[in-house]
Amino acid sequence: MNVRQTCLAKAHSDFLFLFCHVFLLLTDGERGPRTEAEAESMSAAVWRATWPEPRIRQRAFNTFGMDMLLTLDLKQIREFFNAFFSLSDFHW
């Protein structure tokens, strides 16, 4: 089994599959990094491919919203969603 087959065979999650895919693109599936600097460069490239800036901002916004909702009691949650789904088209 070559490096590509081994990597993809072990890809049990979407993230791992993406990591392997980017790794193989960066290395042509031939070898791993030869130096610490090359490993760091490859790691940074995988990170940028996995978490581009817009996704990081969206994730932070989603986390903020969930943290906010978790502070509300049942009555406040109902009021929030009632108001949220009553917004006019102008506010969307």
Protein backbone atom coordinates (compact mmCIF):
# COMPACT_ATOMS: atom_id res chain seq x y z
CA MET A 1 0.00 0.00 0.00
CA ASN A 2 1.43 3.43 -0.94
CA VAL A 3 1.33 6.59 1.17
CA ARG A 4 -1.89 7.81 -0.48
CA GLN A 5 -3.74 4.54 0.10
CA THR A 6 -2.52 4.32 3.69
CA CYS A 7 -3.53 7.88 4.49
CA LEU A 8 -6.97 7.64 2.92
CA ALA A 9 -7.61 4.20 4.44
CA LYS A 10 -7.13 5.73 7.89
CA ALA A 11 -9.34 8.74 7.18
CA HIS A 12 -12.28 8.02 9.49
CA SER A 13 -13.62 11.55 9.67
CA ASP A 14 -14.18 14.47 7.36
CA PHE A 15 -11.38 16.41 9.04
CA LEU A 16 -8.93 13.56 8.76
CA PHE A 17 -9.89 13.06 5.13
CA LEU A 18 -9.34 16.77 4.45
CA PHE A 19 -6.02 16.72 6.30
CA CYS A 20 -4.83 13.71 4.30
CA HIS A 21 -6.03 15.24 1.04
CA VAL A 22 -4.16 18.52 1.65
CA PHE A 23 -1.09 16.66 2.89
CA LEU A 24 -1.03 14.59 -0.27
CA LEU A 25 -1.48 17.67 -2.44
CA LEU A 26 1.44 19.36 -0.71
CA THR A 27 3.72 16.34 -0.92
CA ASP A 28 2.54 14.74 -4.17
CA GLY A 29 1.92 11.65 -2.04
CA GLU A 30 5.60 10.78 -2.17
CA ARG A 31 7.06 11.67 1.21
CA GLY A 32 6.51 13.46 4.45
CA PRO A 33 8.26 16.63 5.59
CA ARG A 34 12.05 16.41 5.78
CA THR A 35 12.67 19.30 8.14
CA GLU A 36 10.92 20.93 11.07
CA ALA A 37 10.42 24.09 8.99
CA GLU A 38 8.83 22.08 6.17
CA ALA A 39 6.55 20.32 8.68
CA GLU A 40 5.47 23.68 10.13
CA SER A 41 4.85 25.06 6.65
CA MET A 42 2.74 22.05 5.73
CA SER A 43 0.86 22.25 9.00
CA ALA A 44 0.10 25.94 8.40
CA ALA A 45 -1.14 25.15 4.89
CA VAL A 46 -3.45 22.43 6.20
CA TRP A 47 -4.72 24.81 8.91
CA ARG A 48 -5.45 27.55 6.34
CA ALA A 49 -7.27 25.06 4.11
CA THR A 50 -9.30 23.73 7.03
CA TRP A 51 -10.00 27.03 8.79
CA PRO A 52 -9.99 29.97 6.35
CA GLU A 53 -10.65 33.35 8.01
CA PRO A 54 -14.37 33.53 7.05
CA ARG A 55 -14.99 30.13 8.67
CA ILE A 56 -13.17 31.20 11.84
CA ARG A 57 -15.35 34.33 12.05
CA GLN A 58 -18.53 32.32 11.40
CA ARG A 59 -17.56 29.78 14.06
CA ALA A 60 -16.90 32.57 16.59
CA PHE A 61 -20.28 34.13 15.79
CA ASN A 62 -22.07 30.79 16.15
CA THR A 63 -20.33 30.12 19.47
CA PHE A 64 -21.23 33.61 20.71
CA GLY A 65 -24.89 33.03 19.80
CA MET A 66 -25.01 29.65 21.50
CA ASP A 67 -23.32 31.02 24.63
CA MET A 68 -25.92 33.78 24.72
CA LEU A 69 -28.84 31.36 24.32
CA LEU A 70 -27.50 29.16 27.10
CA THR A 71 -27.81 32.04 29.57
CA LEU A 72 -31.57 32.38 28.95
CA ASP A 73 -34.29 30.62 30.88
CA LEU A 74 -37.23 28.94 29.10
CA LYS A 75 -39.41 32.08 29.10
CA GLN A 76 -36.58 34.20 27.68
CA ILE A 77 -35.80 31.61 25.01
CA ARG A 78 -39.43 31.61 23.88
CA GLU A 79 -39.47 35.42 23.80
CA PHE A 80 -36.21 35.51 21.85
CA PHE A 81 -37.38 33.09 19.15
CA ASN A 82 -40.80 34.73 18.95
CA ALA A 83 -39.11 38.07 18.30
CA PHE A 84 -36.51 36.52 15.98
CA PHE A 85 -39.07 34.88 13.71
CA SER A 86 -41.21 38.03 13.72
CA LEU A 87 -38.49 40.18 12.12
CA SER A 88 -39.52 42.02 8.99
CA ASP A 89 -37.81 41.43 5.65
CA PHE A 90 -36.08 44.78 6.11
CA HIS A 91 -34.16 43.45 9.13
CA TRP A 92 -33.00 40.34 7.30
